Amino acid sequence: MAIGFGFLVRAIIRSQGGAQRAKEDAAAEA
């Protein structure tokens, strides 16, 4: 479970920003 949680946190951190950031920000603003 600890190893899986580490991979989950890593995936969440890596998915922040990038090409998806503008789309996510626009959805949050809407």
PDB file of all heavy atoms in Angstrom:
ATOM      1  N   MET A   1       0.833  -1.208   0.000  1.00  0.00           N
ATOM      2  CA  MET A   1       0.000   0.000   0.000  1.00  0.00           C
ATOM      3  C   MET A   1       0.868   1.259   0.000  1.00  0.00           C
ATOM      4  O   MET A   1       0.542   2.238  -0.678  1.00  0.00           O
ATOM      5  CB  MET A   1      -0.919   0.007   1.221  1.00  0.00           C
ATOM      6  CG  MET A   1      -1.999  -1.039   1.164  1.00  0.00           C
ATOM      7  SD  MET A   1      -3.130  -0.807  -0.204  1.00  0.00           S
ATOM      8  CE  MET A   1      -3.987   0.642   0.342  1.00  0.00           C
ATOM      9  N   ALA A   2       1.956   1.264   0.741  1.00  0.00           N
ATOM     10  CA  ALA A   2       2.847   2.429   0.775  1.00  0.00           C
ATOM     11  C   ALA A   2       3.481   2.674  -0.586  1.00  0.00           C
ATOM     12  O   ALA A   2       3.567   3.814  -1.045  1.00  0.00           O
ATOM     13  CB  ALA A   2       3.922   2.218   1.836  1.00  0.00           C
ATOM     14  N   ILE A   3       3.909   1.611  -1.243  1.00  0.00           N
ATOM     15  CA  ILE A   3       4.497   1.765  -2.573  1.00  0.00           C
ATOM     16  C   ILE A   3       3.447   2.262  -3.566  1.00  0.00           C
ATOM     17  O   ILE A   3       3.703   3.170  -4.365  1.00  0.00           O
ATOM     18  CB  ILE A   3       5.125   0.432  -3.036  1.00  0.00           C
ATOM     19  CG1 ILE A   3       6.341   0.110  -2.166  1.00  0.00           C
ATOM     20  CG2 ILE A   3       5.503   0.481  -4.505  1.00  0.00           C
ATOM     21  CD1 ILE A   3       6.891  -1.279  -2.362  1.00  0.00           C
ATOM     22  N   GLY A   4       2.250   1.702  -3.498  1.00  0.00           N
ATOM     23  CA  GLY A   4       1.173   2.158  -4.380  1.00  0.00           C
ATOM     24  C   GLY A   4       0.812   3.603  -4.136  1.00  0.00           C
ATOM     25  O   GLY A   4       0.579   4.371  -5.074  1.00  0.00           O
ATOM     26  N   PHE A   5       0.785   4.008  -2.870  1.00  0.00           N
ATOM     27  CA  PHE A   5       0.484   5.404  -2.540  1.00  0.00           C
ATOM     28  C   PHE A   5       1.570   6.329  -3.076  1.00  0.00           C
ATOM     29  O   PHE A   5       1.278   7.417  -3.580  1.00  0.00           O
ATOM     30  CB  PHE A   5       0.341   5.569  -1.027  1.00  0.00           C
ATOM     31  CG  PHE A   5      -0.050   6.946  -0.610  1.00  0.00           C
ATOM     32  CD1 PHE A   5      -1.329   7.417  -0.841  1.00  0.00           C
ATOM     33  CD2 PHE A   5       0.857   7.771   0.023  1.00  0.00           C
ATOM     34  CE1 PHE A   5      -1.697   8.689  -0.457  1.00  0.00           C
ATOM     35  CE2 PHE A   5       0.502   9.040   0.411  1.00  0.00           C
ATOM     36  CZ  PHE A   5      -0.770   9.501   0.170  1.00  0.00           C
ATOM     37  N   GLY A   6       2.810   5.891  -2.995  1.00  0.00           N
ATOM     38  CA  GLY A   6       3.909   6.685  -3.547  1.00  0.00           C
ATOM     39  C   GLY A   6       3.767   6.886  -5.042  1.00  0.00           C
ATOM     40  O   GLY A   6       3.970   7.992  -5.547  1.00  0.00           O
ATOM     41  N   PHE A   7       3.398   5.824  -5.750  1.00  0.00           N
ATOM     42  CA  PHE A   7       3.176   5.962  -7.190  1.00  0.00           C
ATOM     43  C   PHE A   7       1.979   6.858  -7.494  1.00  0.00           C
ATOM     44  O   PHE A   7       1.991   7.614  -8.465  1.00  0.00           O
ATOM     45  CB  PHE A   7       2.990   4.594  -7.839  1.00  0.00           C
ATOM     46  CG  PHE A   7       4.283   3.884  -8.114  1.00  0.00           C
ATOM     47  CD1 PHE A   7       4.590   2.711  -7.452  1.00  0.00           C
ATOM     48  CD2 PHE A   7       5.181   4.396  -9.025  1.00  0.00           C
ATOM     49  CE1 PHE A   7       5.783   2.050  -7.694  1.00  0.00           C
ATOM     50  CE2 PHE A   7       6.381   3.743  -9.292  1.00  0.00           C
ATOM     51  CZ  PHE A   7       6.678   2.572  -8.613  1.00  0.00           C
ATOM     52  N   LEU A   8       0.936   6.794  -6.672  1.00  0.00           N
ATOM     53  CA  LEU A   8      -0.228   7.654  -6.869  1.00  0.00           C
ATOM     54  C   LEU A   8       0.141   9.124  -6.691  1.00  0.00           C
ATOM     55  O   LEU A   8      -0.231   9.967  -7.513  1.00  0.00           O
ATOM     56  CB  LEU A   8      -1.337   7.265  -5.890  1.00  0.00           C
ATOM     57  CG  LEU A   8      -2.586   8.138  -5.901  1.00  0.00           C
ATOM     58  CD1 LEU A   8      -3.319   7.977  -7.231  1.00  0.00           C
ATOM     59  CD2 LEU A   8      -3.495   7.780  -4.748  1.00  0.00           C
ATOM     60  N   VAL A   9       0.874   9.436  -5.636  1.00  0.00           N
ATOM     61  CA  VAL A   9       1.307  10.816  -5.398  1.00  0.00           C
ATOM     62  C   VAL A   9       2.187  11.289  -6.543  1.00  0.00           C
ATOM     63  O   VAL A   9       2.045  12.415  -7.027  1.00  0.00           O
ATOM     64  CB  VAL A   9       2.030  10.921  -4.041  1.00  0.00           C
ATOM     65  CG1 VAL A   9       2.711  12.260  -3.885  1.00  0.00           C
ATOM     66  CG2 VAL A   9       1.049  10.682  -2.904  1.00  0.00           C
ATOM     67  N   ARG A  10       3.083  10.416  -6.998  1.00  0.00           N
ATOM     68  CA  ARG A  10       3.966  10.783  -8.107  1.00  0.00           C
ATOM     69  C   ARG A  10       3.161  11.074  -9.379  1.00  0.00           C
ATOM     70  O   ARG A  10       3.442  12.039 -10.091  1.00  0.00           O
ATOM     71  CB  ARG A  10       4.945   9.633  -8.356  1.00  0.00           C
ATOM     72  CG  ARG A  10       5.936   9.896  -9.434  1.00  0.00           C
ATOM     73  CD  ARG A  10       6.951   8.765  -9.489  1.00  0.00           C
ATOM     74  NE  ARG A  10       7.842   8.943 -10.604  1.00  0.00           N
ATOM     75  CZ  ARG A  10       7.856   8.174 -11.682  1.00  0.00           C
ATOM     76  NH1 ARG A  10       7.024   7.159 -11.766  1.00  0.00           N
ATOM     77  NH2 ARG A  10       8.687   8.405 -12.661  1.00  0.00           N
ATOM     78  N   ALA A  11       2.140  10.268  -9.637  1.00  0.00           N
ATOM     79  CA  ALA A  11       1.315  10.488 -10.825  1.00  0.00           C
ATOM     80  C   ALA A  11       0.535  11.791 -10.716  1.00  0.00           C
ATOM     81  O   ALA A  11       0.397  12.522 -11.700  1.00  0.00           O
ATOM     82  CB  ALA A  11       0.357   9.319 -11.019  1.00  0.00           C
ATOM     83  N   ILE A  12       0.037  12.095  -9.525  1.00  0.00           N
ATOM     84  CA  ILE A  12      -0.709  13.341  -9.335  1.00  0.00           C
ATOM     85  C   ILE A  12       0.205  14.539  -9.539  1.00  0.00           C
ATOM     86  O   ILE A  12      -0.166  15.513 -10.206  1.00  0.00           O
ATOM     87  CB  ILE A  12      -1.367  13.367  -7.947  1.00  0.00           C
ATOM     88  CG1 ILE A  12      -2.500  12.352  -7.883  1.00  0.00           C
ATOM     89  CG2 ILE A  12      -1.868  14.760  -7.604  1.00  0.00           C
ATOM     90  CD1 ILE A  12      -3.069  12.143  -6.498  1.00  0.00           C
ATOM     91  N   ILE A  13       1.399  14.486  -8.982  1.00  0.00           N
ATOM     92  CA  ILE A  13       2.331  15.606  -9.119  1.00  0.00           C
ATOM     93  C   ILE A  13       2.755  15.781 -10.573  1.00  0.00           C
ATOM     94  O   ILE A  13       2.824  16.907 -11.075  1.00  0.00           O
ATOM     95  CB  ILE A  13       3.555  15.394  -8.208  1.00  0.00           C
ATOM     96  CG1 ILE A  13       3.129  15.542  -6.749  1.00  0.00           C
ATOM     97  CG2 ILE A  13       4.677  16.361  -8.540  1.00  0.00           C
ATOM     98  CD1 ILE A  13       4.187  15.161  -5.756  1.00  0.00           C
ATOM     99  N   ARG A  14       3.005  14.677 -11.261  1.00  0.00           N
ATOM    100  CA  ARG A  14       3.438  14.770 -12.659  1.00  0.00           C
ATOM    101  C   ARG A  14       2.327  15.253 -13.578  1.00  0.00           C
ATOM    102  O   ARG A  14       2.602  15.816 -14.644  1.00  0.00           O
ATOM    103  CB  ARG A  14       3.958  13.424 -13.139  1.00  0.00           C
ATOM    104  CG  ARG A  14       5.274  13.050 -12.475  1.00  0.00           C
ATOM    105  CD  ARG A  14       5.822  11.798 -13.037  1.00  0.00           C
ATOM    106  NE  ARG A  14       6.190  12.050 -14.435  1.00  0.00           N
ATOM    107  CZ  ARG A  14       6.951  11.264 -15.145  1.00  0.00           C
ATOM    108  NH1 ARG A  14       7.418  10.163 -14.612  1.00  0.00           N
ATOM    109  NH2 ARG A  14       7.233  11.542 -16.383  1.00  0.00           N
ATOM    110  N   SER A  15       1.066  15.041 -13.199  1.00  0.00           N
ATOM    111  CA  SER A  15      -0.027  15.460 -14.078  1.00  0.00           C
ATOM    112  C   SER A  15      -0.387  16.934 -13.894  1.00  0.00           C
ATOM    113  O   SER A  15      -1.199  17.454 -14.645  1.00  0.00           O
ATOM    114  CB  SER A  15      -1.269  14.600 -13.823  1.00  0.00           C
ATOM    115  OG  SER A  15      -1.817  14.893 -12.554  1.00  0.00           O
ATOM    116  N   GLN A  16       0.216  17.593 -12.921  1.00  0.00           N
ATOM    117  CA  GLN A  16      -0.058  19.015 -12.722  1.00  0.00           C
ATOM    118  C   GLN A  16       0.688  19.826 -13.770  1.00  0.00           C
ATOM    119  O   GLN A  16       1.847  19.560 -14.067  1.00  0.00           O
ATOM    120  CB  GLN A  16       0.387  19.455 -11.321  1.00  0.00           C
ATOM    121  CG  GLN A  16      -0.317  18.736 -10.215  1.00  0.00           C
ATOM    122  CD  GLN A  16      -1.812  18.926 -10.252  1.00  0.00           C
ATOM    123  OE1 GLN A  16      -2.287  20.053 -10.315  1.00  0.00           O
ATOM    124  NE2 GLN A  16      -2.546  17.852 -10.223  1.00  0.00           N
ATOM    125  N   GLY A  17       0.022  20.828 -14.293  1.00  0.00           N
ATOM    126  CA  GLY A  17       0.664  21.674 -15.285  1.00  0.00           C
ATOM    127  C   GLY A  17       0.646  21.039 -16.664  1.00  0.00           C
ATOM    128  O   GLY A  17      -0.095  20.121 -16.945  1.00  0.00           O
ATOM    129  N   GLY A  18       1.477  21.564 -17.525  1.00  0.00           N
ATOM    130  CA  GLY A  18       1.577  21.019 -18.873  1.00  0.00           C
ATOM    131  C   GLY A  18       0.417  21.450 -19.750  1.00  0.00           C
ATOM    132  O   GLY A  18      -0.210  22.492 -19.542  1.00  0.00           O
ATOM    133  N   ALA A  19       0.130  20.644 -20.759  1.00  0.00           N
ATOM    134  CA  ALA A  19      -0.897  20.983 -21.736  1.00  0.00           C
ATOM    135  C   ALA A  19      -2.282  20.959 -21.127  1.00  0.00           C
ATOM    136  O   ALA A  19      -3.171  21.694 -21.566  1.00  0.00           O
ATOM    137  CB  ALA A  19      -0.825  20.011 -22.907  1.00  0.00           C
ATOM    138  N   GLN A  20      -2.498  20.142 -20.115  1.00  0.00           N
ATOM    139  CA  GLN A  20      -3.823  20.032 -19.511  1.00  0.00           C
ATOM    140  C   GLN A  20      -4.131  21.182 -18.553  1.00  0.00           C
ATOM    141  O   GLN A  20      -5.270  21.375 -18.173  1.00  0.00           O
ATOM    142  CB  GLN A  20      -3.942  18.707 -18.744  1.00  0.00           C
ATOM    143  CG  GLN A  20      -3.878  17.501 -19.633  1.00  0.00           C
ATOM    144  CD  GLN A  20      -5.116  17.378 -20.505  1.00  0.00           C
ATOM    145  OE1 GLN A  20      -6.148  17.984 -20.249  1.00  0.00           O
ATOM    146  NE2 GLN A  20      -5.019  16.593 -21.538  1.00  0.00           N
ATOM    147  N   ARG A  21      -3.111  21.924 -18.145  1.00  0.00           N
ATOM    148  CA  ARG A  21      -3.324  22.946 -17.127  1.00  0.00           C
ATOM    149  C   ARG A  21      -4.330  24.008 -17.573  1.00  0.00           C
ATOM    150  O   ARG A  21      -5.200  24.396 -16.803  1.00  0.00           O
ATOM    151  CB  ARG A  21      -1.999  23.597 -16.760  1.00  0.00           C
ATOM    152  CG  ARG A  21      -2.160  24.587 -15.631  1.00  0.00           C
ATOM    153  CD  ARG A  21      -0.845  25.141 -15.170  1.00  0.00           C
ATOM    154  NE  ARG A  21      -1.093  25.954 -14.004  1.00  0.00           N
ATOM    155  CZ  ARG A  21      -0.284  26.048 -12.998  1.00  0.00           C
ATOM    156  NH1 ARG A  21       0.819  25.361 -12.996  1.00  0.00           N
ATOM    157  NH2 ARG A  21      -0.563  26.823 -11.982  1.00  0.00           N
ATOM    158  N   ALA A  22      -4.234  24.476 -18.796  1.00  0.00           N
ATOM    159  CA  ALA A  22      -5.143  25.518 -19.268  1.00  0.00           C
ATOM    160  C   ALA A  22      -6.581  25.000 -19.299  1.00  0.00           C
ATOM    161  O   ALA A  22      -7.509  25.703 -18.911  1.00  0.00           O
ATOM    162  CB  ALA A  22      -4.718  25.990 -20.653  1.00  0.00           C
ATOM    163  N   LYS A  23      -6.770  23.760 -19.719  1.00  0.00           N
ATOM    164  CA  LYS A  23      -8.112  23.192 -19.777  1.00  0.00           C
ATOM    165  C   LYS A  23      -8.681  23.015 -18.375  1.00  0.00           C
ATOM    166  O   LYS A  23      -9.844  23.315 -18.129  1.00  0.00           O
ATOM    167  CB  LYS A  23      -8.069  21.854 -20.522  1.00  0.00           C
ATOM    168  CG  LYS A  23      -9.448  21.273 -20.763  1.00  0.00           C
ATOM    169  CD  LYS A  23      -9.458  20.196 -21.826  1.00  0.00           C
ATOM    170  CE  LYS A  23      -8.683  18.986 -21.417  1.00  0.00           C
ATOM    171  NZ  LYS A  23      -8.914  17.829 -22.296  1.00  0.00           N
ATOM    172  N   GLU A  24      -7.835  22.551 -17.442  1.00  0.00           N
ATOM    173  CA  GLU A  24      -8.296  22.370 -16.056  1.00  0.00           C
ATOM    174  C   GLU A  24      -8.612  23.717 -15.420  1.00  0.00           C
ATOM    175  O   GLU A  24      -9.599  23.855 -14.692  1.00  0.00           O
ATOM    176  CB  GLU A  24      -7.240  21.631 -15.252  1.00  0.00           C
ATOM    177  CG  GLU A  24      -7.078  20.188 -15.673  1.00  0.00           C
ATOM    178  CD  GLU A  24      -5.894  19.527 -15.004  1.00  0.00           C
ATOM    179  OE1 GLU A  24      -5.190  20.205 -14.233  1.00  0.00           O
ATOM    180  OE2 GLU A  24      -5.686  18.329 -15.259  1.00  0.00           O
ATOM    181  N   ASP A  25      -7.772  24.720 -15.676  1.00  0.00           N
ATOM    182  CA  ASP A  25      -8.023  26.052 -15.126  1.00  0.00           C
ATOM    183  C   ASP A  25      -9.308  26.644 -15.689  1.00  0.00           C
ATOM    184  O   ASP A  25     -10.082  27.277 -14.970  1.00  0.00           O
ATOM    185  CB  ASP A  25      -6.847  26.982 -15.415  1.00  0.00           C
ATOM    186  CG  ASP A  25      -5.623  26.661 -14.564  1.00  0.00           C
ATOM    187  OD1 ASP A  25      -5.779  25.899 -13.588  1.00  0.00           O
ATOM    188  OD2 ASP A  25      -4.540  27.178 -14.872  1.00  0.00           O
ATOM    189  N   ALA A  26      -9.558  26.436 -16.969  1.00  0.00           N
ATOM    190  CA  ALA A  26     -10.777  26.955 -17.584  1.00  0.00           C
ATOM    191  C   ALA A  26     -12.009  26.279 -16.995  1.00  0.00           C
ATOM    192  O   ALA A  26     -13.021  26.938 -16.726  1.00  0.00           O
ATOM    193  CB  ALA A  26     -10.730  26.752 -19.096  1.00  0.00           C
ATOM    194  N   ALA A  27     -11.933  24.988 -16.755  1.00  0.00           N
ATOM    195  CA  ALA A  27     -13.061  24.267 -16.156  1.00  0.00           C
ATOM    196  C   ALA A  27     -13.302  24.743 -14.736  1.00  0.00           C
ATOM    197  O   ALA A  27     -14.455  24.924 -14.320  1.00  0.00           O
ATOM    198  CB  ALA A  27     -12.789  22.768 -16.181  1.00  0.00           C
ATOM    199  N   ALA A  28     -12.237  24.968 -13.988  1.00  0.00           N
ATOM    200  CA  ALA A  28     -12.391  25.454 -12.604  1.00  0.00           C
ATOM    201  C   ALA A  28     -12.975  26.853 -12.586  1.00  0.00           C
ATOM    202  O   ALA A  28     -13.837  27.164 -11.742  1.00  0.00           O
ATOM    203  CB  ALA A  28     -11.035  25.428 -11.908  1.00  0.00           C
ATOM    204  N   GLU A  29     -12.543  27.709 -13.495  1.00  0.00           N
ATOM    205  CA  GLU A  29     -13.088  29.069 -13.561  1.00  0.00           C
ATOM    206  C   GLU A  29     -14.573  29.040 -13.943  1.00  0.00           C
ATOM    207  O   GLU A  29     -15.373  29.811 -13.411  1.00  0.00           O
ATOM    208  CB  GLU A  29     -12.302  29.909 -14.571  1.00  0.00           C
ATOM    209  CG  GLU A  29     -10.890  30.233 -14.128  1.00  0.00           C
ATOM    210  CD  GLU A  29     -10.846  31.159 -12.931  1.00  0.00           C
ATOM    211  OE1 GLU A  29     -11.750  31.995 -12.778  1.00  0.00           O
ATOM    212  OE2 GLU A  29      -9.906  31.021 -12.136  1.00  0.00           O
ATOM    213  N   ALA A  30     -14.936  28.151 -14.852  1.00  0.00           N
ATOM    214  CA  ALA A  30     -16.333  28.061 -15.267  1.00  0.00           C
ATOM    215  C   ALA A  30     -17.202  27.584 -14.097  1.00  0.00           C
ATOM    216  O   ALA A  30     -18.298  28.107 -13.880  1.00  0.00           O
ATOM    217  CB  ALA A  30     -16.479  27.108 -16.452  1.00  0.00           C
TER     218      ALA A  30
END
